[in-house]
Amino acid sequence: MVFSIDFPVSFHYCSRMIILDPIDSAEFISSNATHVQIHADGIEKLAHKIKNALCSGSAGVENWKSQELTPSVANEQAVEWIFVTDLLNFSFWTDSHPHYEVSFGGKIYTGYWALCAAVNRAVDEGLNLLDANVYKDISEEQMKYVFRSANGSEIPLLKERWMTLQEAGKTLFDRYNGSFINVIKLCEKSAKKLLELLCQYFPSFRDNATYKGVQVSILKRAQILVGDLWSCFEGKGFGEFHDIDQITAFADYRVPQVLVHFGVLSYDRHLTEVVRGAYRPTY
């Protein structure tokens, strides 16, 4: 459903909430930003670099399956893998040492790849962490063992990940016959509709904010999930979306660094000092 408001077009994923979708949120925020500037010449230069990479074959959706830990085959199991790993894809950074790392296949992985390694290791060891019927009832102790580290550290927000995984598993079991594939089928090849379904029925995907009095959406992991499906299946089958252009670049902490490096973004003095000072907000 589309609502008419005084700001860009909005969408809703909850009967009690009206919120700008990610593209309209980005437009509203960028138009009203006070600490960040966007430079058209930087956009053009970076666009040429990306185009050249795509034309040369050094970048492209087909590269997604060539990573060490991602599924090498685009099948139903790959869909469930993408759902679980993107569901849990948050908060890997810690101020303390050692940082979280996982040993798998004779290699050490950190960050997001440590998560992927732990999921793959669990499956290899006989715990099918890709089956909602299994992880809807996973215990906190099992979760701790699945994500055990190679150096005695603990994955950040372990309890929150456990609760998130259980909640999602129960939703899939109760509403979608235990499979995320059935959620995809309901979206009718619409990336935007899949975002709405994710946010409506899987609360952990709802990352929103209020900016200058307007409800805006970030939807980082939800958009990553759609993008991963599209990349894994190369725009076909479970990854076919007729409106994939409605998905934005996910708002992580690396993308802004890259955009600043290439001159697409620039920060004012205040924000530069905040970023360089490693300021962390308290909640």
Protein backbone atom coordinates (compact mmCIF):
# COMPACT_ATOMS: atom_id res chain seq x y z
CA MET A 1 0.00 0.00 0.00
CA VAL A 2 1.25 3.51 -0.82
CA PHE A 3 0.49 6.50 1.38
CA SER A 4 0.47 10.14 0.34
CA ILE A 5 2.54 12.30 2.69
CA ASP A 6 4.53 15.54 2.51
CA PHE A 7 7.76 13.66 1.94
CA PRO A 8 8.83 11.05 -0.64
CA VAL A 9 6.57 8.05 -1.25
CA SER A 10 6.44 5.61 1.66
CA PHE A 11 5.65 1.99 2.23
CA HIS A 12 4.50 0.09 5.28
CA TYR A 13 5.27 -3.28 6.78
CA CYS A 14 3.22 -3.01 9.92
CA SER A 15 -0.32 -1.81 10.40
CA ARG A 16 0.90 0.64 13.04
CA MET A 17 3.83 2.08 11.14
CA ILE A 18 4.30 4.25 8.06
CA ILE A 19 7.89 4.58 7.00
CA LEU A 20 9.92 5.73 4.00
CA ASP A 21 11.45 2.88 2.02
CA PRO A 22 15.27 2.77 1.78
CA ILE A 23 15.53 4.67 -1.52
CA ASP A 24 13.17 7.44 -0.43
CA SER A 25 14.85 7.47 2.99
CA ALA A 26 18.21 7.99 1.30
CA GLU A 27 16.80 10.82 -0.82
CA PHE A 28 15.24 12.56 2.17
CA ILE A 29 18.33 12.17 4.36
CA SER A 30 20.77 13.31 1.67
CA SER A 31 18.59 16.31 0.85
CA ASN A 32 18.58 17.38 4.49
CA ALA A 33 22.06 16.30 5.58
CA THR A 34 24.14 18.81 7.52
CA HIS A 35 27.45 16.96 7.98
CA VAL A 36 27.85 15.04 4.70
CA GLN A 37 28.03 16.19 1.09
CA ILE A 38 27.57 14.12 -2.08
CA HIS A 39 29.71 15.01 -5.10
CA ALA A 40 28.39 14.31 -8.61
CA ASP A 41 31.87 14.21 -10.14
CA GLY A 42 32.91 11.58 -7.61
CA ILE A 43 29.86 9.50 -8.48
CA GLU A 44 30.71 9.64 -12.18
CA LYS A 45 34.33 8.63 -11.64
CA LEU A 46 33.44 5.71 -9.38
CA ALA A 47 30.66 4.61 -11.75
CA HIS A 48 33.24 4.36 -14.55
CA LYS A 49 35.50 2.24 -12.34
CA ILE A 50 32.63 -0.12 -11.52
CA LYS A 51 31.59 -0.30 -15.17
CA ASN A 52 35.14 -1.19 -16.20
CA ALA A 53 35.30 -3.90 -13.53
CA LEU A 54 32.02 -5.39 -14.72
CA CYS A 55 33.09 -5.30 -18.37
CA SER A 56 36.46 -6.88 -17.60
CA GLY A 57 34.89 -9.66 -15.55
CA SER A 58 36.81 -8.79 -12.38
CA ALA A 59 33.46 -8.04 -10.71
CA GLY A 60 30.02 -9.53 -11.26
CA VAL A 61 27.23 -11.54 -9.67
CA GLU A 62 28.82 -14.79 -10.84
CA ASN A 63 31.69 -14.13 -8.41
CA TRP A 64 29.41 -14.61 -5.40
CA LYS A 65 29.50 -18.41 -5.54
CA SER A 66 33.27 -18.44 -6.02
CA GLN A 67 33.96 -17.34 -2.44
CA GLU A 68 35.43 -19.97 -0.13
CA LEU A 69 32.50 -20.23 2.27
CA THR A 70 29.44 -19.33 0.21
CA PRO A 71 27.36 -22.10 -1.41
CA SER A 72 28.92 -23.15 -4.70
CA VAL A 73 25.60 -24.34 -6.13
CA ALA A 74 22.43 -22.24 -6.45
CA ASN A 75 19.83 -24.59 -4.98
CA GLU A 76 17.26 -24.74 -2.18
CA GLN A 77 19.92 -25.32 0.46
CA ALA A 78 21.68 -22.16 -0.72
CA VAL A 79 18.47 -20.21 -0.07
CA GLU A 80 18.31 -21.44 3.53
CA TRP A 81 22.04 -20.74 4.00
CA ILE A 82 21.59 -17.16 2.81
CA PHE A 83 18.65 -16.64 5.16
CA VAL A 84 20.48 -17.93 8.25
CA THR A 85 23.78 -16.15 7.62
CA ASP A 86 22.14 -12.83 6.77
CA LEU A 87 19.79 -13.18 9.73
CA LEU A 88 22.83 -13.35 12.02
CA ASN A 89 25.02 -10.92 10.07
CA PHE A 90 25.51 -8.18 12.64
CA SER A 91 27.94 -6.85 15.26
CA PHE A 92 31.28 -8.60 14.94
CA TRP A 93 33.44 -5.79 16.30
CA THR A 94 34.73 -5.73 19.88
CA ASP A 95 37.01 -3.24 21.62
CA SER A 96 38.67 -6.02 23.59
CA HIS A 97 41.23 -8.51 22.34
CA PRO A 98 41.42 -11.14 21.04
CA HIS A 99 38.80 -10.54 18.36
CA TYR A 100 36.38 -13.31 17.47
CA GLU A 101 37.76 -15.87 15.03
CA VAL A 102 36.75 -19.35 13.88
CA SER A 103 38.88 -22.25 12.67
CA PHE A 104 37.39 -24.22 9.79
CA GLY A 105 38.97 -26.33 7.08
CA GLY A 106 42.45 -25.55 8.33
CA LYS A 107 41.96 -21.78 8.07
CA ILE A 108 41.14 -18.96 10.47
CA TYR A 109 38.27 -16.60 9.66
CA THR A 110 37.19 -13.35 11.30
CA GLY A 111 34.15 -11.07 11.16
CA TYR A 112 31.30 -12.08 8.87
CA TRP A 113 33.37 -14.92 7.42
CA ALA A 114 33.82 -16.35 10.91
CA LEU A 115 30.03 -16.54 11.15
CA CYS A 116 29.83 -18.34 7.80
CA ALA A 117 32.60 -20.72 8.84
CA ALA A 118 30.77 -21.55 12.08
CA VAL A 119 27.51 -22.27 10.23
CA ASN A 120 29.28 -24.49 7.69
CA ARG A 121 31.17 -26.27 10.46
CA ALA A 122 27.95 -27.00 12.34
CA VAL A 123 26.39 -28.52 9.21
CA ASP A 124 29.50 -30.64 8.61
CA GLU A 125 29.36 -31.84 12.22
CA GLY A 126 25.76 -33.00 11.85
CA LEU A 127 23.77 -30.08 13.26
CA ASN A 128 21.70 -28.83 10.32
CA LEU A 129 21.64 -25.15 11.14
CA LEU A 130 19.92 -24.52 7.80
CA ASP A 131 16.74 -26.31 8.91
CA ALA A 132 14.19 -24.14 10.73
CA ASN A 133 12.81 -27.25 12.42
CA VAL A 134 16.22 -27.63 14.05
CA TYR A 135 17.15 -24.06 14.95
CA LYS A 136 13.72 -23.06 16.25
CA ASP A 137 14.52 -25.21 19.28
CA ILE A 138 18.27 -24.67 19.51
CA SER A 139 19.45 -24.12 23.08
CA GLU A 140 21.73 -21.35 24.23
CA GLU A 141 24.41 -23.92 25.06
CA GLN A 142 24.16 -25.41 21.57
CA MET A 143 24.42 -21.92 20.13
CA LYS A 144 27.53 -21.25 22.18
CA TYR A 145 29.11 -24.47 20.91
CA VAL A 146 28.18 -23.78 17.28
CA PHE A 147 29.88 -20.37 17.42
CA ARG A 148 32.86 -21.43 19.52
CA SER A 149 36.02 -19.57 18.64
CA ALA A 150 39.58 -20.62 17.93
CA ASN A 151 41.05 -18.29 20.54
CA GLY A 152 38.73 -18.40 23.55
CA SER A 153 36.80 -15.26 22.58
CA GLU A 154 33.02 -15.21 22.26
CA ILE A 155 31.05 -13.98 19.28
CA PRO A 156 29.53 -10.61 20.22
CA LEU A 157 25.85 -10.57 21.21
CA LEU A 158 25.62 -14.35 21.43
CA LYS A 159 22.36 -14.30 23.39
CA GLU A 160 20.76 -11.86 20.95
CA ARG A 161 21.79 -14.07 18.03
CA TRP A 162 20.33 -17.10 19.79
CA MET A 163 17.02 -15.34 20.40
CA THR A 164 16.95 -14.02 16.82
CA LEU A 165 17.59 -17.46 15.34
CA GLN A 166 14.96 -19.15 17.51
CA GLU A 167 12.38 -16.47 16.74
CA ALA A 168 12.96 -16.75 12.98
CA GLY A 169 12.84 -20.54 13.10
CA LYS A 170 9.52 -20.52 14.93
CA THR A 171 8.08 -18.03 12.43
CA LEU A 172 9.16 -20.18 9.48
CA PHE A 173 7.78 -23.29 11.19
CA ASP A 174 4.44 -21.70 12.14
CA ARG A 175 3.75 -19.63 9.00
CA TYR A 176 5.85 -20.96 6.12
CA ASN A 177 6.06 -24.73 6.50
CA GLY A 178 9.58 -24.47 7.86
CA SER A 179 11.25 -23.00 4.77
CA PHE A 180 12.31 -19.51 3.72
CA ILE A 181 11.64 -20.57 0.14
CA ASN A 182 7.93 -20.19 0.86
CA VAL A 183 8.52 -16.57 1.88
CA ILE A 184 10.26 -15.93 -1.44
CA LYS A 185 7.37 -17.46 -3.36
CA LEU A 186 4.96 -15.02 -1.72
CA CYS A 187 6.91 -11.98 -2.89
CA GLU A 188 6.02 -12.71 -6.54
CA LYS A 189 9.49 -11.76 -7.83
CA SER A 190 9.37 -8.36 -6.14
CA ALA A 191 12.42 -7.34 -4.13
CA LYS A 192 10.44 -4.58 -2.46
CA LYS A 193 7.69 -6.98 -1.39
CA LEU A 194 10.28 -9.38 0.01
CA LEU A 195 11.67 -6.52 2.10
CA GLU A 196 8.20 -5.85 3.45
CA LEU A 197 7.63 -9.52 4.29
CA LEU A 198 10.99 -9.73 6.06
CA CYS A 199 10.27 -6.65 8.14
CA GLN A 200 6.69 -7.59 8.91
CA TYR A 201 7.27 -11.16 10.09
CA PHE A 202 10.94 -11.18 11.15
CA PRO A 203 11.37 -8.24 13.56
CA SER A 204 15.16 -8.40 13.73
CA PHE A 205 15.32 -7.12 10.14
CA ARG A 206 13.60 -3.86 11.09
CA ASP A 207 16.36 -1.28 11.45
CA ASN A 208 14.69 2.10 11.36
CA ALA A 209 15.42 5.58 12.64
CA THR A 210 13.76 8.95 13.03
CA TYR A 211 15.57 11.67 11.10
CA LYS A 212 14.37 15.24 11.46
CA GLY A 213 10.93 14.02 12.47
CA VAL A 214 10.54 11.51 9.65
CA GLN A 215 10.55 7.71 10.01
CA VAL A 216 13.28 6.36 7.72
CA SER A 217 14.42 2.81 7.03
CA ILE A 218 17.94 1.43 6.70
CA LEU A 219 17.13 -2.28 6.26
CA LYS A 220 20.78 -3.25 5.98
CA ARG A 221 20.51 -7.01 6.45
CA ALA A 222 17.18 -7.31 4.66
CA GLN A 223 18.68 -5.69 1.58
CA ILE A 224 21.83 -7.80 1.84
CA LEU A 225 19.62 -10.89 1.88
CA VAL A 226 17.83 -9.83 -1.31
CA GLY A 227 21.14 -8.96 -2.93
CA ASP A 228 22.68 -12.29 -1.94
CA LEU A 229 19.74 -14.20 -3.42
CA TRP A 230 20.02 -12.20 -6.64
CA SER A 231 23.79 -12.76 -6.82
CA CYS A 232 23.71 -16.45 -5.93
CA PHE A 233 21.03 -17.24 -8.50
CA GLU A 234 22.32 -14.63 -10.97
CA GLY A 235 18.90 -13.02 -11.26
CA LYS A 236 17.09 -16.27 -12.01
CA GLY A 237 14.89 -18.70 -10.09
CA PHE A 238 14.76 -17.80 -6.40
CA GLY A 239 16.90 -14.76 -7.21
CA GLU A 240 14.70 -13.27 -9.92
CA PHE A 241 13.34 -9.84 -8.97
CA HIS A 242 11.75 -7.52 -11.53
CA ASP A 243 12.47 -4.51 -9.30
CA ILE A 244 16.00 -5.26 -8.13
CA ASP A 245 16.81 -1.61 -8.89
CA GLN A 246 14.77 -0.71 -5.80
CA ILE A 247 17.46 -2.22 -3.58
CA THR A 248 20.11 0.21 -2.35
CA ALA A 249 23.74 -0.31 -1.36
CA PHE A 250 23.49 -1.62 2.18
CA ALA A 251 24.49 0.84 4.91
CA ASP A 252 27.42 -0.85 6.60
CA TYR A 253 30.55 0.75 8.03
CA ARG A 254 32.81 0.00 5.03
CA VAL A 255 30.74 1.52 2.20
CA PRO A 256 31.07 5.11 3.53
CA GLN A 257 34.85 4.64 3.84
CA VAL A 258 35.02 3.57 0.20
CA LEU A 259 32.80 6.43 -0.95
CA VAL A 260 34.92 8.98 0.92
CA HIS A 261 38.09 7.45 -0.53
CA PHE A 262 36.77 7.84 -4.08
CA GLY A 263 35.47 11.36 -3.50
CA VAL A 264 31.78 10.51 -3.67
CA LEU A 265 31.21 11.72 -0.11
CA SER A 266 32.92 14.29 2.08
CA TYR A 267 32.43 15.04 5.77
CA ASP A 268 32.44 18.40 7.49
CA ARG A 269 35.04 19.11 10.16
CA HIS A 270 32.84 18.05 13.06
CA LEU A 271 31.97 14.64 11.62
CA THR A 272 35.57 14.06 10.52
CA GLU A 273 36.74 14.61 14.09
CA VAL A 274 34.04 12.30 15.41
CA VAL A 275 34.99 9.51 12.99
CA ARG A 276 38.74 9.86 13.53
CA GLY A 277 38.23 9.96 17.27
CA ALA A 278 36.50 6.57 17.16
CA TYR A 279 33.52 8.01 19.02
CA ARG A 280 30.91 5.43 19.94
CA PRO A 281 27.40 6.55 20.95
CA THR A 282 25.90 5.25 24.16
CA TYR A 283 22.33 4.01 24.34
